[in-house]
Protein backbone atom coordinates (compact mmCIF):
# COMPACT_ATOMS: atom_id res chain seq x y z
CA CYS A 1 -9.37 -3.45 0.46
CA THR A 2 -9.93 -0.32 2.44
CA ASP A 3 -13.07 0.94 4.07
CA ARG A 4 -13.03 3.69 1.64
CA HIS A 5 -13.59 1.05 -1.37
CA GLN A 6 -16.84 -0.35 0.64
CA ARG A 7 -18.08 3.45 0.83
CA VAL A 8 -17.62 3.52 -3.04
CA LEU A 9 -19.22 0.37 -3.76
CA SER A 10 -22.25 1.25 -1.72
CA GLY A 11 -22.63 4.53 -3.22
CA GLU A 12 -21.48 6.86 -0.45
CA LEU A 13 -18.43 7.98 -2.29
CA LEU A 14 -19.20 8.50 -5.98
CA PRO A 15 -16.71 7.48 -8.63
CA TYR A 16 -15.02 9.92 -11.12
CA CYS A 17 -15.94 10.38 -14.65
CA PRO A 18 -13.03 9.43 -16.65
CA VAL A 19 -14.24 7.30 -19.40
CA ALA A 20 -12.51 9.08 -22.33
CA LYS A 21 -9.29 8.30 -20.68
CA ILE A 22 -9.76 4.65 -21.17
CA CYS A 23 -7.56 3.02 -23.83
CA PHE A 24 -9.24 -0.27 -24.01
CA SER A 25 -11.27 -1.73 -26.83
CA PHE A 26 -14.68 -0.55 -27.66
CA ARG A 27 -15.80 -3.46 -26.00
CA LYS A 28 -14.02 -3.02 -22.70
CA ALA A 29 -14.87 0.68 -22.78
CA LEU A 30 -18.27 -0.21 -22.62
CA PHE A 31 -17.76 -2.26 -19.68
CA TYR A 32 -16.22 0.24 -17.52
CA PHE A 33 -18.80 3.00 -18.78
CA PHE A 34 -21.72 0.85 -17.66
CA TYR A 35 -19.65 0.16 -14.16
CA LEU A 36 -19.19 3.81 -13.61
CA PHE A 37 -22.75 4.68 -14.59
CA LYS A 38 -24.09 2.21 -12.39
CA SER A 39 -22.05 3.35 -9.42
CA GLY A 40 -23.40 6.93 -9.34
CA ILE A 41 -22.30 8.98 -12.36
CA ASN A 42 -26.04 9.33 -13.28
CA ASN A 43 -26.40 11.28 -10.02
CA GLY A 44 -24.76 14.21 -11.46
CA PHE A 45 -21.53 14.18 -9.30
CA CYS A 46 -18.60 14.17 -11.74
CA ILE A 47 -15.08 15.26 -11.44
CA PRO A 48 -13.51 16.47 -14.79
CA SER A 49 -11.76 13.39 -16.51
CA HIS A 50 -8.54 15.39 -16.92
CA LEU A 51 -8.02 15.25 -13.09
CA VAL A 52 -8.19 11.36 -13.06
CA VAL A 53 -6.21 9.10 -15.04
CA ILE A 54 -7.41 5.40 -15.78
CA SER A 55 -4.82 3.16 -17.08
CA GLN A 56 -4.73 -0.32 -18.99
CA ALA A 57 -2.42 -2.58 -17.26
CA LYS A 58 -1.16 -5.97 -18.13
CA VAL A 59 0.00 -8.70 -15.77
CA CYS A 60 3.74 -9.20 -16.30
CA GLY A 61 4.77 -11.26 -13.21
CA ILE A 62 3.12 -13.48 -10.73
CA THR A 63 4.69 -14.73 -7.43
CA ASN A 64 3.37 -16.28 -4.35
CA GLU A 65 4.61 -14.04 -1.65
CA SER A 66 3.16 -16.35 1.05
CA GLU A 67 0.87 -19.36 1.25
CA THR A 68 -2.04 -16.93 1.04
CA VAL A 69 -0.85 -13.84 -0.71
CA LYS A 70 -0.10 -13.48 -4.49
CA ARG A 71 2.14 -10.70 -5.62
CA LEU A 72 1.26 -9.30 -8.99
CA ARG A 73 3.60 -7.11 -11.08
CA LEU A 74 1.81 -4.96 -13.79
CA ALA A 75 2.82 -3.01 -16.84
CA ILE A 76 1.40 0.32 -17.01
CA THR A 77 0.25 1.46 -20.47
CA ASN A 78 -0.50 5.11 -19.89
CA LYS A 79 2.53 7.13 -19.24
CA ASP A 80 0.45 9.89 -17.40
CA PHE A 81 -0.33 7.49 -14.74
CA THR A 82 1.34 8.04 -11.50
CA PHE A 83 0.89 7.49 -7.65
CA LYS A 84 2.35 8.41 -4.16
CA ALA A 85 3.82 6.03 -2.03
CA GLY A 86 1.05 4.50 0.40
CA GLN A 87 -1.94 4.91 -2.10
CA TRP A 88 -4.19 2.24 -3.50
CA VAL A 89 -5.60 1.29 -6.92
CA ASP A 90 -9.17 0.56 -7.83
CA PHE A 91 -8.87 -2.71 -9.90
CA PHE A 92 -11.27 -3.09 -12.84
CA ILE A 93 -11.35 -6.67 -14.17
CA PRO A 94 -13.21 -7.16 -17.69
CA GLY A 95 -16.36 -9.27 -17.11
CA ILE A 96 -16.32 -8.77 -13.20
CA SER A 97 -18.90 -6.00 -11.98
CA VAL A 98 -17.20 -5.67 -8.48
CA VAL A 99 -14.05 -3.42 -8.37
CA GLY A 100 -11.32 -4.42 -6.37
CA GLY A 101 -9.35 -1.88 -3.91
CA PHE A 102 -5.61 -3.00 -3.35
CA SER A 103 -2.92 -0.98 -1.79
CA ILE A 104 0.46 -0.73 -3.95
CA CYS A 105 3.33 -2.21 -2.38
CA SER A 106 5.92 -1.03 -4.84
CA SER A 107 7.82 2.33 -4.97
CA PRO A 108 6.84 5.42 -7.22
CA GLY A 109 10.49 5.22 -8.33
CA LEU A 110 9.88 1.51 -9.76
CA LEU A 111 7.08 2.97 -11.87
CA GLU A 112 9.16 6.04 -13.10
CA GLN A 113 12.15 3.84 -13.87
CA GLU A 114 10.53 0.76 -15.52
CA GLY A 115 6.70 1.47 -16.03
CA VAL A 116 5.64 -1.13 -13.58
CA LEU A 117 3.84 -1.33 -10.28
CA GLU A 118 3.07 -4.28 -7.87
CA LEU A 119 0.21 -5.49 -5.76
CA ALA A 120 0.05 -8.09 -3.06
CA VAL A 121 -3.20 -9.59 -2.76
CA LYS A 122 -4.51 -11.85 -0.12
CA TYR A 123 -6.80 -14.78 -0.93
CA THR A 124 -10.25 -14.01 -0.19
CA VAL A 125 -13.79 -15.12 -1.84
CA HIS A 126 -14.16 -11.32 -2.64
CA PRO A 127 -14.49 -11.36 -6.56
CA PRO A 128 -11.53 -9.42 -7.45
CA ALA A 129 -9.13 -11.29 -4.87
CA HIS A 130 -10.63 -14.60 -5.93
CA TRP A 131 -10.02 -13.84 -9.64
CA ILE A 132 -6.46 -12.88 -8.90
CA HIS A 133 -5.76 -16.16 -7.02
CA THR A 134 -7.70 -18.50 -9.46
CA GLU A 135 -8.02 -16.90 -13.02
CA CYS A 136 -5.23 -14.43 -13.40
CA ALA A 137 -2.36 -15.27 -15.58
CA LEU A 138 0.65 -13.52 -17.35
CA ASP A 139 -0.79 -11.23 -19.92
CA SER A 140 -4.23 -10.91 -18.44
CA GLU A 141 -5.42 -7.43 -18.93
CA VAL A 142 -7.08 -5.05 -16.47
CA ALA A 143 -7.71 -1.20 -15.52
CA LEU A 144 -6.34 0.61 -12.50
CA ARG A 145 -7.23 3.91 -10.98
CA VAL A 146 -5.22 5.44 -8.00
CA GLY A 147 -6.92 6.85 -4.90
CA GLY A 148 -6.16 7.44 -1.26
CA ASP A 149 -4.95 10.35 1.01
CA PHE A 150 -2.63 7.82 3.03
CA PHE A 151 0.64 8.70 1.49
CA PHE A 152 4.04 9.92 2.27
CA ASP A 153 5.40 12.38 -0.35
CA PRO A 154 8.08 14.85 1.06
CA GLN A 155 9.27 17.57 -1.26
CA PRO A 156 12.98 18.83 -1.33
CA GLY A 157 12.27 21.72 0.66
CA ASP A 158 10.47 20.16 3.44
CA SER A 159 11.68 19.87 6.96
CA PRO A 160 13.18 16.31 7.89
CA VAL A 161 10.73 14.07 9.83
CA LYS A 162 11.10 10.77 11.29
CA LEU A 163 8.85 8.06 10.78
CA VAL A 164 7.29 5.10 12.75
CA LEU A 165 5.45 2.76 10.41
CA ILE A 166 3.10 0.13 12.18
CA ALA A 167 1.51 -2.75 10.13
CA GLY A 168 -0.53 -5.47 10.83
CA GLY A 169 -1.07 -8.52 8.45
CA VAL A 170 -1.54 -7.41 4.84
CA GLY A 171 -1.64 -3.80 6.03
CA ILE A 172 2.18 -3.93 5.29
CA ASN A 173 1.66 -3.22 1.70
CA PRO A 174 1.21 0.66 1.71
CA LEU A 175 3.85 0.93 4.41
CA PHE A 176 6.20 -1.32 2.48
CA SER A 177 5.71 1.10 -0.53
CA ILE A 178 6.51 4.17 1.64
CA LEU A 179 9.75 2.13 3.03
CA LEU A 180 10.79 1.51 -0.53
CA HIS A 181 10.17 5.25 -1.21
CA ILE A 182 12.22 6.30 1.47
CA ALA A 183 15.09 4.08 0.43
CA ASP A 184 15.14 5.68 -2.99
CA LEU A 185 15.19 9.18 -1.09
CA HIS A 186 18.14 7.99 0.96
CA GLY A 187 19.86 6.69 -2.18
CA TYR A 188 19.20 9.83 -4.16
CA GLN A 189 20.36 12.03 -1.19
CA GLU A 190 23.56 9.96 -0.92
CA GLY A 191 24.41 10.11 -4.51
CA LYS A 192 23.43 13.36 -5.53
CA GLY A 193 23.87 15.27 -2.38
CA ASN A 194 20.60 17.06 -2.57
CA GLY A 195 16.77 16.36 -2.48
CA TYR A 196 14.70 15.65 0.49
CA LYS A 197 16.83 14.79 3.62
CA MET A 198 15.13 11.93 5.20
CA GLY A 199 15.05 11.12 9.11
CA THR A 200 15.20 7.65 10.74
CA VAL A 201 12.55 5.34 9.95
CA LYS A 202 11.23 2.41 12.30
CA LEU A 203 8.87 -0.19 11.14
CA TYR A 204 6.89 -2.57 13.60
CA TYR A 205 5.22 -5.40 11.72
CA SER A 206 3.03 -7.75 13.38
CA ALA A 207 1.58 -10.99 11.88
CA LYS A 208 0.51 -14.43 13.00
CA ASN A 209 3.81 -16.27 12.47
CA THR A 210 6.99 -15.46 10.40
CA ARG A 211 5.46 -17.29 7.39
CA GLU A 212 2.83 -14.56 7.17
CA LEU A 213 5.62 -11.64 7.32
CA LEU A 214 5.38 -10.46 3.75
CA PHE A 215 8.65 -8.77 2.30
CA LYS A 216 10.75 -9.92 5.21
CA LYS A 217 13.52 -10.66 3.05
CA ASN A 218 13.19 -7.30 1.24
CA ILE A 219 12.99 -5.40 4.48
CA LEU A 220 16.12 -7.15 6.00
CA GLY A 221 17.74 -6.13 2.80
CA LEU A 222 16.81 -2.57 3.07
CA MET A 223 18.10 -2.47 6.88
CA ASN A 224 21.47 -3.83 5.78
CA ALA A 225 21.53 -1.12 3.01
CA PHE A 226 20.63 1.59 5.31
CA PRO A 227 22.10 0.84 8.69
CA GLY A 228 20.86 3.05 11.30
CA LYS A 229 18.40 4.92 9.09
CA ILE A 230 15.95 1.97 8.64
CA THR A 231 15.24 -0.37 11.28
CA CYS A 232 12.50 -3.01 11.79
CA HIS A 233 10.98 -5.08 14.49
CA PHE A 234 8.82 -8.00 13.49
CA HIS A 235 6.10 -9.39 16.05
CA VAL A 236 4.50 -12.62 15.81
CA THR A 237 1.57 -13.58 17.90
CA GLN A 238 0.86 -17.06 17.01
CA GLN A 239 4.32 -18.81 16.42
CA SER A 240 4.52 -22.46 16.63
CA SER A 241 7.60 -23.37 14.60
CA GLN A 242 11.19 -22.35 15.39
CA ILE A 243 12.09 -19.00 13.96
CA CYS A 244 14.76 -19.01 11.77
CA GLU A 245 18.49 -17.95 12.54
CA GLU A 246 18.31 -14.85 9.94
CA LEU A 247 15.07 -13.47 11.53
CA GLN A 248 15.77 -14.28 15.17
CA PRO A 249 17.52 -11.03 15.92
CA HIS A 250 14.51 -8.91 14.75
CA VAL A 251 11.51 -11.20 16.18
CA THR A 252 9.43 -10.49 19.17
CA GLU A 253 6.54 -12.90 20.18
CA GLY A 254 3.63 -11.09 21.32
CA ARG A 255 1.79 -7.76 20.29
CA ILE A 256 3.15 -4.36 19.62
CA SER A 257 3.25 -2.66 23.04
CA GLU A 258 3.23 0.77 24.53
CA LYS A 259 6.81 0.16 25.86
CA ASP A 260 7.84 -0.58 22.13
CA LEU A 261 6.57 2.86 20.75
CA GLN A 262 7.12 5.27 23.75
CA GLU A 263 10.79 5.81 22.78
CA HIS A 264 10.00 7.27 19.44
CA VAL A 265 7.42 10.09 20.72
CA SER A 266 8.99 13.45 19.45
CA LYS A 267 7.80 16.67 17.89
CA ASP A 268 9.15 15.59 14.72
CA THR A 269 7.80 12.09 14.28
CA LEU A 270 5.11 11.06 11.97
CA TRP A 271 3.19 7.69 12.59
CA TYR A 272 1.63 5.81 9.82
CA ILE A 273 -0.43 2.65 10.72
CA CYS A 274 -2.19 0.26 8.45
CA GLY A 275 -4.04 -3.03 9.66
CA PRO A 276 -7.33 -4.31 10.63
CA PRO A 277 -9.72 -1.82 12.32
CA PRO A 278 -9.49 -3.22 15.83
CA MET A 279 -5.68 -2.81 15.50
CA ILE A 280 -5.92 0.80 14.19
CA GLU A 281 -8.32 1.75 16.93
CA SER A 282 -6.36 0.26 19.59
CA LEU A 283 -3.03 1.91 18.56
CA SER A 284 -4.91 5.31 17.91
CA LYS A 285 -5.82 5.19 21.59
CA LEU A 286 -2.22 4.18 22.63
CA LEU A 287 -0.60 6.76 20.78
CA SER A 288 -2.96 9.32 22.29
CA ASN A 289 -2.23 8.03 25.90
CA ILE A 290 1.55 8.61 25.29
CA GLY A 291 1.03 12.19 23.95
CA VAL A 292 1.27 11.85 20.15
CA PRO A 293 -0.58 14.54 18.62
CA ARG A 294 -3.71 13.44 16.48
CA ASN A 295 -2.35 15.43 13.45
CA CYS A 296 0.79 13.41 13.56
CA VAL A 297 -0.93 10.31 13.10
CA PHE A 298 -1.94 8.69 9.77
CA PHE A 299 -3.89 5.38 9.16
CA GLU A 300 -5.54 3.29 6.59
CA LYS A 301 -8.17 0.62 7.49
CA TRP A 302 -8.71 -2.40 5.64
CA TRP A 303 -11.50 -5.07 5.64
């Protein structure tokens, strides 16, 4: 979840009004209508429904990404439903009044090609996350609405940039989506010889231990597929067991430091950070101290 979702639920940010877009049965449509009405539509703030798409989705895959994180694959019903790499979804569950907020961890290309997207959700007692871990099953139906201004969506005519992605814990989710999108951009550029020409990408990913490093095999695969273009450093802060041989060259014990980041400072580098608020605040100050302009730093806080 992000702090933006907390503001939506508190009524500080009022939701959109896309009831006519919902393709559920009448009973399910009523559920979403009353949720949206309760959340603030009755205050008169309403963005036209054609600007927002809510889609029904069906769970078509469930795997354990780690001991505490489940990875969901969702088949999207509405062909108009799209997202940008790094964005999140509002997650509506029939019978549960609390709306979830989860960052998408798959690429836009996967949705375009296969009509599916993926979420990786850590277990908590928050009702939507708890439902995913205890009740969600194959063919469960939910609804999704995209949101968020934390994304990377370059266009073919844009100037090339380098990226540094910094993730803490499950904050890897939107950054993994961005990383997969970058891999798609590289693949398209190499195959077609046109499109957006991506600069190099460096991922710094910190977790308690290697068991909590999500998508690590996928990330190593991307590094092997695009050598020199995509690189990654894993950081672990509470490792108690031996690190496996495959990961050892890429793992540092300890937090991400100023020394790690200093070498990447340049005028054509953008910085994307996602993790717990204290991490965001600490790294934002660090980047400012080493001369990174504020308008080159993008972050998403989760709680």
